[in-house]
């Protein structure tokens, strides 16, 4: 980006979301989701093999949804790819 004024405006928008206060407000959600994630991975590992790629994809999508849109995709809880994310995955392949 060449325009310094436009760069400053965008930087201010993103800086608010990256402040310690903003990041810390997501900690309870992320910790709770991580607890659920670990329980499901342990469950899978006891009965078969745990697909860590799948579980971390679900976790990342849920955290990203919560931070970006204020709503999780519930992929960890439902144990499946949401239709919104499935569309993105299919388009990128």
N, C-alpha and C. Protein backbone atom coordinates (compact mmCIF):
# COMPACT_ATOMS: atom_id res chain seq x y z
N UNK A 1 0.85 -1.17 0.00
CA UNK A 1 0.00 0.00 0.00
C UNK A 1 0.90 1.23 0.00
N UNK A 2 0.63 2.14 -0.91
CA UNK A 2 1.48 3.31 -1.07
C UNK A 2 0.92 4.52 -0.31
N UNK A 3 -0.38 4.67 -0.28
CA UNK A 3 -1.01 5.83 0.35
C UNK A 3 -0.88 5.75 1.87
N UNK A 4 -0.08 6.65 2.45
CA UNK A 4 0.16 6.63 3.90
C UNK A 4 -1.10 6.89 4.70
N UNK A 5 -1.97 7.75 4.23
CA UNK A 5 -3.22 8.07 4.94
C UNK A 5 -4.14 6.84 4.99
N UNK A 6 -4.26 6.16 3.87
CA UNK A 6 -5.08 4.95 3.82
C UNK A 6 -4.47 3.85 4.70
N UNK A 7 -3.16 3.74 4.68
CA UNK A 7 -2.47 2.76 5.51
C UNK A 7 -2.74 3.03 6.99
N UNK A 8 -2.67 4.28 7.42
CA UNK A 8 -2.92 4.65 8.81
C UNK A 8 -4.35 4.31 9.22
N UNK A 9 -5.31 4.56 8.34
CA UNK A 9 -6.71 4.25 8.65
C UNK A 9 -6.90 2.74 8.84
N UNK A 10 -6.33 1.95 7.95
CA UNK A 10 -6.45 0.49 8.07
C UNK A 10 -5.74 -0.03 9.31
N UNK A 11 -4.59 0.54 9.58
CA UNK A 11 -3.82 0.11 10.75
C UNK A 11 -4.60 0.36 12.04
N UNK A 12 -5.28 1.49 12.13
CA UNK A 12 -6.09 1.81 13.31
C UNK A 12 -7.21 0.79 13.48
N UNK A 13 -7.84 0.40 12.39
CA UNK A 13 -8.92 -0.59 12.46
C UNK A 13 -8.42 -1.92 13.01
N UNK A 14 -7.29 -2.37 12.51
CA UNK A 14 -6.76 -3.67 12.93
C UNK A 14 -6.11 -3.60 14.31
N UNK A 15 -5.54 -2.46 14.66
CA UNK A 15 -4.84 -2.33 15.94
C UNK A 15 -5.79 -2.55 17.12
N UNK A 16 -7.03 -2.11 16.99
CA UNK A 16 -8.00 -2.28 18.07
C UNK A 16 -8.22 -3.75 18.37
N UNK A 17 -8.33 -4.58 17.34
CA UNK A 17 -8.57 -6.01 17.54
C UNK A 17 -7.34 -6.73 18.05
N UNK A 18 -6.18 -6.16 17.90
CA UNK A 18 -4.94 -6.82 18.31
C UNK A 18 -4.43 -6.34 19.67
N UNK A 19 -5.16 -5.47 20.32
CA UNK A 19 -4.71 -4.99 21.64
C UNK A 19 -4.82 -6.12 22.66
N UNK A 20 -4.05 -6.01 23.73
CA UNK A 20 -4.09 -7.03 24.78
C UNK A 20 -5.50 -7.21 25.33
N UNK A 21 -6.22 -6.12 25.54
CA UNK A 21 -7.57 -6.19 26.08
C UNK A 21 -8.49 -6.99 25.15
N UNK A 22 -8.41 -6.72 23.87
CA UNK A 22 -9.25 -7.45 22.91
C UNK A 22 -8.89 -8.93 22.85
N UNK A 23 -7.61 -9.21 22.82
CA UNK A 23 -7.17 -10.60 22.72
C UNK A 23 -7.55 -11.38 23.98
N UNK A 24 -7.38 -10.77 25.14
CA UNK A 24 -7.67 -11.46 26.40
C UNK A 24 -9.15 -11.78 26.58
N UNK A 25 -10.03 -11.03 25.95
CA UNK A 25 -11.46 -11.32 26.12
C UNK A 25 -11.86 -12.64 25.44
N UNK A 26 -11.03 -13.14 24.53
CA UNK A 26 -11.31 -14.41 23.87
C UNK A 26 -10.73 -15.61 24.62
N UNK A 27 -9.91 -15.35 25.62
CA UNK A 27 -9.24 -16.44 26.33
C UNK A 27 -10.20 -17.48 26.91
N UNK A 28 -11.27 -17.08 27.61
CA UNK A 28 -12.18 -18.11 28.15
C UNK A 28 -12.79 -18.99 27.06
N UNK A 29 -13.17 -18.39 25.96
CA UNK A 29 -13.73 -19.17 24.84
C UNK A 29 -12.70 -20.15 24.30
N UNK A 30 -11.47 -19.68 24.07
CA UNK A 30 -10.43 -20.53 23.49
C UNK A 30 -10.04 -21.64 24.46
N UNK A 31 -9.94 -21.33 25.74
CA UNK A 31 -9.61 -22.37 26.72
C UNK A 31 -10.70 -23.44 26.78
N UNK A 32 -11.95 -23.00 26.80
CA UNK A 32 -13.07 -23.95 26.83
C UNK A 32 -13.10 -24.84 25.60
N UNK A 33 -12.89 -24.24 24.44
CA UNK A 33 -12.87 -25.00 23.20
C UNK A 33 -11.68 -25.96 23.17
N UNK A 34 -10.54 -25.51 23.69
CA UNK A 34 -9.35 -26.37 23.74
C UNK A 34 -9.60 -27.57 24.65
N UNK A 35 -10.32 -27.38 25.75
CA UNK A 35 -10.66 -28.50 26.64
C UNK A 35 -11.51 -29.53 25.91
N UNK A 36 -12.50 -29.05 25.17
CA UNK A 36 -13.36 -29.96 24.40
C UNK A 36 -12.53 -30.67 23.34
N UNK A 37 -11.67 -29.94 22.67
CA UNK A 37 -10.81 -30.50 21.63
C UNK A 37 -9.94 -31.63 22.18
N UNK A 38 -9.29 -31.39 23.30
CA UNK A 38 -8.40 -32.40 23.88
C UNK A 38 -9.19 -33.65 24.27
N UNK A 39 -10.37 -33.49 24.85
CA UNK A 39 -11.20 -34.64 25.22
C UNK A 39 -11.58 -35.47 24.00
N UNK A 40 -11.90 -34.81 22.90
CA UNK A 40 -12.28 -35.54 21.70
C UNK A 40 -11.08 -36.24 21.05
N UNK A 41 -9.94 -35.60 21.10
CA UNK A 41 -8.73 -36.24 20.56
C UNK A 41 -8.38 -37.47 21.40
N UNK A 42 -8.44 -37.35 22.71
CA UNK A 42 -8.16 -38.49 23.59
C UNK A 42 -9.16 -39.62 23.34
N UNK A 43 -10.43 -39.27 23.20
CA UNK A 43 -11.45 -40.27 22.91
C UNK A 43 -11.14 -41.02 21.63
N UNK A 44 -10.81 -40.28 20.57
CA UNK A 44 -10.49 -40.92 19.29
C UNK A 44 -9.23 -41.78 19.39
N UNK A 45 -8.24 -41.29 20.12
CA UNK A 45 -6.99 -42.04 20.25
C UNK A 45 -7.19 -43.35 20.99
N UNK A 46 -8.14 -43.41 21.90
CA UNK A 46 -8.40 -44.64 22.65
C UNK A 46 -9.10 -45.70 21.81
N UNK A 47 -9.91 -45.27 20.86
CA UNK A 47 -10.68 -46.22 20.06
C UNK A 47 -10.07 -46.48 18.69
N UNK A 48 -9.24 -45.60 18.24
CA UNK A 48 -8.68 -45.71 16.90
C UNK A 48 -7.50 -44.74 16.83
N UNK A 49 -7.30 -44.16 15.69
CA UNK A 49 -6.29 -43.11 15.58
C UNK A 49 -6.99 -41.76 15.54
N UNK A 50 -6.41 -40.78 16.14
CA UNK A 50 -6.98 -39.44 16.15
C UNK A 50 -6.43 -38.66 14.95
N UNK A 51 -7.33 -38.11 14.18
CA UNK A 51 -6.94 -37.31 13.01
C UNK A 51 -6.67 -35.88 13.48
N UNK A 52 -5.41 -35.61 13.82
CA UNK A 52 -5.07 -34.30 14.37
C UNK A 52 -5.28 -33.18 13.36
N UNK A 53 -5.02 -33.45 12.09
CA UNK A 53 -5.25 -32.42 11.07
C UNK A 53 -6.70 -31.98 11.10
N UNK A 54 -7.62 -32.93 11.13
CA UNK A 54 -9.06 -32.62 11.16
C UNK A 54 -9.40 -31.80 12.40
N UNK A 55 -8.93 -32.27 13.56
CA UNK A 55 -9.30 -31.60 14.80
C UNK A 55 -8.74 -30.19 14.88
N UNK A 56 -7.50 -29.98 14.43
CA UNK A 56 -6.93 -28.63 14.48
C UNK A 56 -7.55 -27.73 13.42
N UNK A 57 -7.98 -28.28 12.31
CA UNK A 57 -8.73 -27.51 11.32
C UNK A 57 -10.04 -27.02 11.92
N UNK A 58 -10.75 -27.93 12.59
CA UNK A 58 -12.02 -27.57 13.23
C UNK A 58 -11.80 -26.48 14.29
N UNK A 59 -10.78 -26.69 15.13
CA UNK A 59 -10.47 -25.74 16.20
C UNK A 59 -10.16 -24.36 15.63
N UNK A 60 -9.29 -24.34 14.63
CA UNK A 60 -8.89 -23.07 14.01
C UNK A 60 -10.08 -22.36 13.39
N UNK A 61 -10.93 -23.10 12.71
CA UNK A 61 -12.11 -22.49 12.09
C UNK A 61 -13.06 -21.92 13.15
N UNK A 62 -13.25 -22.65 14.25
CA UNK A 62 -14.14 -22.16 15.30
C UNK A 62 -13.60 -20.89 15.96
N UNK A 63 -12.30 -20.86 16.23
CA UNK A 63 -11.70 -19.67 16.83
C UNK A 63 -11.77 -18.50 15.85
N UNK A 64 -11.44 -18.75 14.60
CA UNK A 64 -11.49 -17.70 13.58
C UNK A 64 -12.90 -17.15 13.43
N UNK A 65 -13.88 -18.03 13.42
CA UNK A 65 -15.28 -17.58 13.33
C UNK A 65 -15.68 -16.70 14.49
N UNK A 66 -15.30 -17.12 15.70
CA UNK A 66 -15.64 -16.34 16.89
C UNK A 66 -14.98 -14.97 16.88
N UNK A 67 -13.70 -14.93 16.55
CA UNK A 67 -12.96 -13.67 16.56
C UNK A 67 -13.41 -12.76 15.41
N UNK A 68 -13.63 -13.33 14.23
CA UNK A 68 -13.94 -12.53 13.05
C UNK A 68 -15.41 -12.14 12.94
N UNK A 69 -16.30 -13.07 13.29
CA UNK A 69 -17.71 -12.85 13.05
C UNK A 69 -18.57 -12.84 14.32
N UNK A 70 -17.93 -13.13 15.47
CA UNK A 70 -18.68 -13.15 16.72
C UNK A 70 -19.51 -14.40 16.91
N UNK A 71 -19.26 -15.42 16.07
CA UNK A 71 -20.02 -16.67 16.15
C UNK A 71 -19.12 -17.81 15.68
N UNK A 72 -19.08 -18.85 16.49
CA UNK A 72 -18.29 -20.02 16.12
C UNK A 72 -19.02 -20.83 15.04
N UNK A 73 -18.28 -21.62 14.31
CA UNK A 73 -18.89 -22.52 13.32
C UNK A 73 -19.32 -23.84 13.95
N UNK A 74 -18.99 -24.06 15.23
CA UNK A 74 -19.35 -25.27 15.97
C UNK A 74 -18.81 -26.55 15.34
N UNK A 75 -17.68 -26.46 14.68
CA UNK A 75 -17.12 -27.64 14.03
C UNK A 75 -16.55 -28.63 15.03
N UNK A 76 -15.93 -28.15 16.10
CA UNK A 76 -15.41 -29.07 17.12
C UNK A 76 -16.57 -29.80 17.78
N UNK A 77 -17.60 -29.06 18.15
CA UNK A 77 -18.74 -29.65 18.84
C UNK A 77 -19.49 -30.66 17.96
N UNK A 78 -19.75 -30.27 16.70
CA UNK A 78 -20.52 -31.12 15.79
C UNK A 78 -19.67 -32.20 15.12
N UNK A 79 -18.36 -32.05 15.20
CA UNK A 79 -17.41 -33.00 14.62
C UNK A 79 -17.57 -33.13 13.11
N UNK A 80 -17.87 -32.01 12.47
CA UNK A 80 -17.98 -32.00 11.01
C UNK A 80 -17.70 -30.60 10.47
N UNK A 81 -17.35 -30.55 9.21
CA UNK A 81 -17.07 -29.27 8.55
C UNK A 81 -18.39 -28.55 8.32
N UNK A 82 -18.42 -27.27 8.67
CA UNK A 82 -19.63 -26.49 8.42
C UNK A 82 -19.78 -26.29 6.91
N UNK A 83 -20.99 -26.05 6.47
CA UNK A 83 -21.21 -25.88 5.03
C UNK A 83 -20.49 -24.65 4.50
N UNK A 84 -20.37 -23.61 5.30
CA UNK A 84 -19.65 -22.41 4.86
C UNK A 84 -18.18 -22.76 4.61
N UNK A 85 -17.57 -23.46 5.54
CA UNK A 85 -16.16 -23.83 5.38
C UNK A 85 -15.97 -24.88 4.30
N UNK A 86 -16.93 -25.74 4.11
CA UNK A 86 -16.84 -26.75 3.06
C UNK A 86 -16.77 -26.08 1.69
N UNK A 87 -17.56 -25.02 1.49
CA UNK A 87 -17.51 -24.28 0.23
C UNK A 87 -16.12 -23.70 -0.01
N UNK A 88 -15.52 -23.13 1.05
CA UNK A 88 -14.18 -22.55 0.92
C UNK A 88 -13.16 -23.63 0.61
N UNK A 89 -13.24 -24.75 1.30
CA UNK A 89 -12.30 -25.86 1.07
C UNK A 89 -12.42 -26.37 -0.36
N UNK A 90 -13.63 -26.56 -0.84
CA UNK A 90 -13.84 -27.06 -2.21
C UNK A 90 -13.32 -26.10 -3.26
N UNK A 91 -13.46 -24.80 -3.01
CA UNK A 91 -12.98 -23.81 -3.98
C UNK A 91 -11.46 -23.74 -4.02
N UNK A 92 -10.81 -24.06 -2.90
CA UNK A 92 -9.36 -23.96 -2.86
C UNK A 92 -8.66 -25.20 -3.40
N UNK A 93 -9.38 -26.28 -3.62
CA UNK A 93 -8.76 -27.51 -4.11
C UNK A 93 -8.58 -27.49 -5.61
